[in-house]
Amino acid sequence: MMKKLDAYLFFDGNCREAMNFYKDTFGGELNLMTIGESPAKNQFPESMADTVLHAGLIIGNITIMASDNCMGGDLPKGKDVSLHLSCESTEEVNLLFDKLSAGGQPLMPPKEEFWGDYFCSVTDKYGFNWMLTFSAQKQ
């Protein structure tokens, strides 16, 4: 299983879909709270009741948190966000790279890099950048 990741992702109305994709990719337990289910529901228009206010995908000691863009305004795609996953093996790097590449864009295929880590990067189908690494010398 992966070692550590802390991230919060914002989506433009497709948080539920994206978080279910990540659950299918990584496994884990997904918890979602919509605006309509929250104590803050009266602070938002009724039309936003199904908007995801908070989501948490718990995968061992890793949590990926997310929400829809509840505050409105422009939301640039995740090009300025890279999520780095420290993996437990080269096999895990390869598996996750393949899953995240589905519908996305592979940037650097998995390979041993000059600094000694097995590394790759990919932009998933939601526009978020992922870096996956396995470091045998740190084991």
Protein backbone atom coordinates (compact mmCIF):
# COMPACT_ATOMS: atom_id res chain seq x y z
CA MET A 1 0.00 0.00 0.00
CA MET A 2 1.13 3.58 -0.60
CA LYS A 3 3.01 5.33 2.20
CA LYS A 4 1.71 8.89 2.42
CA LEU A 5 -0.36 11.52 0.63
CA ASP A 6 -2.12 14.59 1.87
CA ALA A 7 -4.16 16.50 -0.66
CA TYR A 8 -7.39 18.44 -1.07
CA LEU A 9 -8.91 18.54 -4.52
CA PHE A 10 -11.57 20.93 -5.82
CA PHE A 11 -13.88 19.93 -8.67
CA ASP A 12 -16.26 21.85 -10.89
CA GLY A 13 -19.39 19.80 -10.19
CA ASN A 14 -18.00 16.29 -10.73
CA CYS A 15 -16.50 15.60 -7.30
CA ARG A 16 -18.68 12.51 -6.69
CA GLU A 17 -17.71 10.98 -10.06
CA ALA A 18 -14.02 11.75 -9.58
CA MET A 19 -13.85 10.46 -6.02
CA ASN A 20 -15.57 7.22 -7.07
CA PHE A 21 -12.98 6.88 -9.86
CA TYR A 22 -10.19 7.33 -7.30
CA LYS A 23 -11.88 4.78 -5.01
CA ASP A 24 -12.01 2.29 -7.90
CA THR A 25 -8.34 3.03 -8.68
CA PHE A 26 -6.86 3.00 -5.16
CA GLY A 27 -9.49 1.15 -3.09
CA GLY A 28 -10.35 2.43 0.38
CA GLU A 29 -13.41 3.84 2.08
CA LEU A 30 -15.18 6.85 0.55
CA ASN A 31 -17.26 9.23 2.63
CA LEU A 32 -19.24 11.99 0.94
CA MET A 33 -21.28 14.82 2.44
CA THR A 34 -23.46 16.98 0.24
CA ILE A 35 -24.47 20.51 1.09
CA GLY A 36 -28.01 19.23 1.68
CA GLU A 37 -26.73 16.74 4.29
CA SER A 38 -24.61 19.29 6.14
CA PRO A 39 -25.36 21.63 9.04
CA ALA A 40 -24.37 24.47 6.69
CA LYS A 41 -27.17 23.75 4.18
CA ASN A 42 -29.01 26.99 5.00
CA GLN A 43 -25.95 29.00 3.93
CA PHE A 44 -26.31 27.83 0.31
CA PRO A 45 -29.04 28.03 -2.33
CA GLU A 46 -31.38 25.02 -2.33
CA SER A 47 -30.26 24.27 -5.91
CA MET A 48 -26.85 23.28 -4.48
CA ALA A 49 -28.22 20.57 -2.17
CA ASP A 50 -26.57 17.74 -4.17
CA THR A 51 -23.22 19.55 -4.45
CA VAL A 52 -20.43 17.71 -2.60
CA LEU A 53 -19.34 19.84 0.36
CA HIS A 54 -16.70 17.40 1.55
CA ALA A 55 -15.40 14.00 0.51
CA GLY A 56 -12.74 11.89 2.11
CA LEU A 57 -11.23 8.77 0.63
CA ILE A 58 -9.38 6.85 3.34
CA ILE A 59 -6.77 4.39 2.08
CA GLY A 60 -4.82 3.07 5.06
CA ASN A 61 -2.97 6.07 6.50
CA ILE A 62 -3.67 8.21 3.42
CA THR A 63 -6.62 10.54 3.01
CA ILE A 64 -7.57 12.30 -0.21
CA MET A 65 -10.03 15.06 0.55
CA ALA A 66 -12.15 16.89 -2.00
CA SER A 67 -15.21 19.00 -2.69
CA ASP A 68 -17.08 20.64 -5.49
CA ASN A 69 -16.36 24.31 -6.02
CA CYS A 70 -19.01 25.42 -3.52
CA MET A 71 -17.90 29.05 -3.53
CA GLY A 72 -18.37 29.51 -7.29
CA GLY A 73 -16.07 31.52 -9.52
CA ASP A 74 -13.35 30.23 -11.80
CA LEU A 75 -11.73 26.95 -10.90
CA PRO A 76 -8.62 26.22 -12.93
CA LYS A 77 -8.04 22.54 -13.56
CA GLY A 78 -5.43 20.88 -11.39
CA LYS A 79 -2.47 21.74 -13.56
CA ASP A 80 -0.90 23.54 -10.60
CA VAL A 81 -1.40 20.55 -8.32
CA SER A 82 0.80 17.49 -8.30
CA LEU A 83 -0.07 14.67 -6.00
CA HIS A 84 2.91 12.60 -4.98
CA LEU A 85 2.43 9.01 -3.93
CA SER A 86 5.25 7.07 -2.30
CA CYS A 87 4.54 3.48 -3.27
CA GLU A 88 5.66 0.21 -1.68
CA SER A 89 6.88 -1.49 -4.87
CA THR A 90 7.56 -1.08 -8.57
CA GLU A 91 4.52 -3.28 -9.19
CA GLU A 92 2.32 -0.81 -7.33
CA VAL A 93 3.78 2.08 -9.35
CA ASN A 94 3.01 0.22 -12.59
CA LEU A 95 -0.52 -0.72 -11.54
CA LEU A 96 -1.47 2.80 -10.44
CA PHE A 97 0.16 4.35 -13.51
CA ASP A 98 -1.98 2.12 -15.76
CA LYS A 99 -5.19 2.93 -13.87
CA LEU A 100 -4.57 6.68 -13.72
CA SER A 101 -3.58 6.75 -17.41
CA ALA A 102 -6.99 5.38 -18.45
CA GLY A 103 -8.69 8.34 -20.11
CA GLY A 104 -5.79 10.57 -19.08
CA GLN A 105 -2.36 11.38 -20.42
CA PRO A 106 0.83 9.54 -19.46
CA LEU A 107 3.62 12.09 -19.04
CA MET A 108 6.63 9.96 -18.06
CA PRO A 109 6.38 6.16 -18.16
CA PRO A 110 7.61 4.20 -15.13
CA LYS A 111 11.37 3.72 -15.12
CA GLU A 112 14.36 3.91 -12.83
CA GLU A 113 15.57 7.53 -12.76
CA PHE A 114 19.07 8.92 -12.34
CA TRP A 115 18.41 9.70 -8.67
CA GLY A 116 17.72 6.01 -8.03
CA ASP A 117 13.93 5.96 -7.64
CA TYR A 118 11.48 4.12 -9.84
CA PHE A 119 9.33 7.04 -11.01
CA CYS A 120 6.56 8.07 -13.39
CA SER A 121 4.04 10.85 -13.86
CA VAL A 122 0.59 11.03 -15.40
CA THR A 123 -2.29 13.47 -15.78
CA ASP A 124 -5.56 11.67 -15.01
CA LYS A 125 -8.81 12.14 -16.91
CA TYR A 126 -9.83 14.90 -14.47
CA GLY A 127 -6.75 17.01 -15.24
CA PHE A 128 -4.81 16.30 -12.03
CA ASN A 129 -1.10 15.53 -12.14
CA TRP A 130 0.24 12.49 -10.25
CA MET A 131 3.83 11.52 -9.50
CA LEU A 132 4.35 7.92 -8.41
CA THR A 133 7.61 6.77 -6.92
CA PHE A 134 9.23 3.77 -5.30
CA SER A 135 12.54 4.21 -3.54
CA ALA A 136 14.31 0.86 -2.98
CA GLN A 137 17.23 2.52 -1.15
CA LYS A 138 14.84 3.98 1.48
CA GLN A 139 13.32 0.59 2.31
